[in-house]
Amino acid sequence: MSLSSLPATVATQLASLEGTPLLFSGQFLQYAVVFFVIAIVAAVLGARGIAGVTMEIAKWLVIIFLVLAVVSIVL
């Protein structure tokens, strides 16, 4: 199947994905940083429960990021 037979939007999206592993895009690390910042702000404001939960989420997102990075490097 050639790119010319696909609709223009799909062909553009496929062309932009070329060279990027489909399994791993790096968004987990971006979300981990966001949750880490939320945890820091919550801790400063005294919301220890929210800070703990968001820090746990950030920790798991970093772990998922590392696992997917290793898998995408190996494949």
C-alpha atoms as a PDB file:
ATOM      1  CA  MET A   1       0.000   0.000   0.000  1.00  0.00           C
ATOM      2  CA  SER A   2       1.498   3.310  -1.013  1.00  0.00           C
ATOM      3  CA  LEU A   3       1.064   6.619   0.803  1.00  0.00           C
ATOM      4  CA  SER A   4      -0.622   8.138  -2.268  1.00  0.00           C
ATOM      5  CA  SER A   5      -3.622   5.810  -1.945  1.00  0.00           C
ATOM      6  CA  LEU A   6      -4.340   6.943   1.642  1.00  0.00           C
ATOM      7  CA  PRO A   7      -6.279  10.080   2.589  1.00  0.00           C
ATOM      8  CA  ALA A   8      -4.082  13.156   2.971  1.00  0.00           C
ATOM      9  CA  THR A   9      -4.363  13.424   6.761  1.00  0.00           C
ATOM     10  CA  VAL A  10      -3.481   9.763   7.332  1.00  0.00           C
ATOM     11  CA  ALA A  11      -0.567   9.977   4.897  1.00  0.00           C
ATOM     12  CA  THR A  12       0.746  13.079   6.700  1.00  0.00           C
ATOM     13  CA  GLN A  13       0.492  11.381  10.093  1.00  0.00           C
ATOM     14  CA  LEU A  14       2.238   8.250   8.839  1.00  0.00           C
ATOM     15  CA  ALA A  15       5.010  10.304   7.264  1.00  0.00           C
ATOM     16  CA  SER A  16       5.568  12.155  10.553  1.00  0.00           C
ATOM     17  CA  LEU A  17       5.847   8.831  12.425  1.00  0.00           C
ATOM     18  CA  GLU A  18       8.555   7.481  10.155  1.00  0.00           C
ATOM     19  CA  GLY A  19      11.674   6.753  12.168  1.00  0.00           C
ATOM     20  CA  THR A  20       9.815   6.886  15.499  1.00  0.00           C
ATOM     21  CA  PRO A  21       9.314   3.583  17.295  1.00  0.00           C
ATOM     22  CA  LEU A  22       5.593   2.889  17.527  1.00  0.00           C
ATOM     23  CA  LEU A  23       5.900   1.413  20.991  1.00  0.00           C
ATOM     24  CA  PHE A  24       7.632   4.340  22.623  1.00  0.00           C
ATOM     25  CA  SER A  25       7.101   8.059  22.160  1.00  0.00           C
ATOM     26  CA  GLY A  26       8.491   9.522  25.403  1.00  0.00           C
ATOM     27  CA  GLN A  27       5.229  11.017  26.658  1.00  0.00           C
ATOM     28  CA  PHE A  28       5.475   9.047  29.897  1.00  0.00           C
ATOM     29  CA  LEU A  29       8.474  11.138  30.912  1.00  0.00           C
ATOM     30  CA  GLN A  30       6.626  14.384  30.163  1.00  0.00           C
ATOM     31  CA  TYR A  31       3.674  13.282  32.281  1.00  0.00           C
ATOM     32  CA  ALA A  32       6.038  12.196  35.063  1.00  0.00           C
ATOM     33  CA  VAL A  33       7.573  15.681  35.171  1.00  0.00           C
ATOM     34  CA  VAL A  34       4.107  17.253  35.314  1.00  0.00           C
ATOM     35  CA  PHE A  35       3.074  15.000  38.211  1.00  0.00           C
ATOM     36  CA  PHE A  36       6.381  15.699  39.968  1.00  0.00           C
ATOM     37  CA  VAL A  37       5.789  19.460  39.745  1.00  0.00           C
ATOM     38  CA  ILE A  38       2.237  19.011  41.047  1.00  0.00           C
ATOM     39  CA  ALA A  39       3.645  16.970  43.957  1.00  0.00           C
ATOM     40  CA  ILE A  40       6.182  19.688  44.806  1.00  0.00           C
ATOM     41  CA  VAL A  41       3.527  22.423  44.730  1.00  0.00           C
ATOM     42  CA  ALA A  42       1.131  20.326  46.831  1.00  0.00           C
ATOM     43  CA  ALA A  43       3.866  19.607  49.380  1.00  0.00           C
ATOM     44  CA  VAL A  44       4.730  23.304  49.668  1.00  0.00           C
ATOM     45  CA  LEU A  45       1.061  24.153  50.169  1.00  0.00           C
ATOM     46  CA  GLY A  46       0.710  21.477  52.859  1.00  0.00           C
ATOM     47  CA  ALA A  47      -1.440  18.947  50.968  1.00  0.00           C
ATOM     48  CA  ARG A  48       0.636  15.925  51.927  1.00  0.00           C
ATOM     49  CA  GLY A  49      -1.908  13.358  50.706  1.00  0.00           C
ATOM     50  CA  ILE A  50      -2.076  14.812  47.212  1.00  0.00           C
ATOM     51  CA  ALA A  51       1.695  15.212  47.152  1.00  0.00           C
ATOM     52  CA  GLY A  52       2.185  11.551  48.033  1.00  0.00           C
ATOM     53  CA  VAL A  53      -0.271  10.284  45.433  1.00  0.00           C
ATOM     54  CA  THR A  54       1.121  12.423  42.634  1.00  0.00           C
ATOM     55  CA  MET A  55       4.665  11.416  43.547  1.00  0.00           C
ATOM     56  CA  GLU A  56       3.670   7.742  43.319  1.00  0.00           C
ATOM     57  CA  ILE A  57       2.114   8.366  39.900  1.00  0.00           C
ATOM     58  CA  ALA A  58       5.271  10.158  38.767  1.00  0.00           C
ATOM     59  CA  LYS A  59       7.419   7.270  40.031  1.00  0.00           C
ATOM     60  CA  TRP A  60       5.405   4.677  38.088  1.00  0.00           C
ATOM     61  CA  LEU A  61       5.421   6.802  34.939  1.00  0.00           C
ATOM     62  CA  VAL A  62       9.229   6.998  35.115  1.00  0.00           C
ATOM     63  CA  ILE A  63       9.413   3.216  35.568  1.00  0.00           C
ATOM     64  CA  ILE A  64       7.126   2.682  32.561  1.00  0.00           C
ATOM     65  CA  PHE A  65       9.251   5.156  30.580  1.00  0.00           C
ATOM     66  CA  LEU A  66      12.440   3.267  31.397  1.00  0.00           C
ATOM     67  CA  VAL A  67      10.927  -0.131  30.542  1.00  0.00           C
ATOM     68  CA  LEU A  68       9.580   1.090  27.202  1.00  0.00           C
ATOM     69  CA  ALA A  69      12.883   2.834  26.420  1.00  0.00           C
ATOM     70  CA  VAL A  70      14.816  -0.399  26.977  1.00  0.00           C
ATOM     71  CA  VAL A  71      12.297  -2.403  24.939  1.00  0.00           C
ATOM     72  CA  SER A  72      12.394   0.067  22.052  1.00  0.00           C
ATOM     73  CA  ILE A  73      16.221   0.086  22.075  1.00  0.00           C
ATOM     74  CA  VAL A  74      16.351  -3.707  22.051  1.00  0.00           C
ATOM     75  CA  LEU A  75      13.789  -4.012  19.257  1.00  0.00           C
END
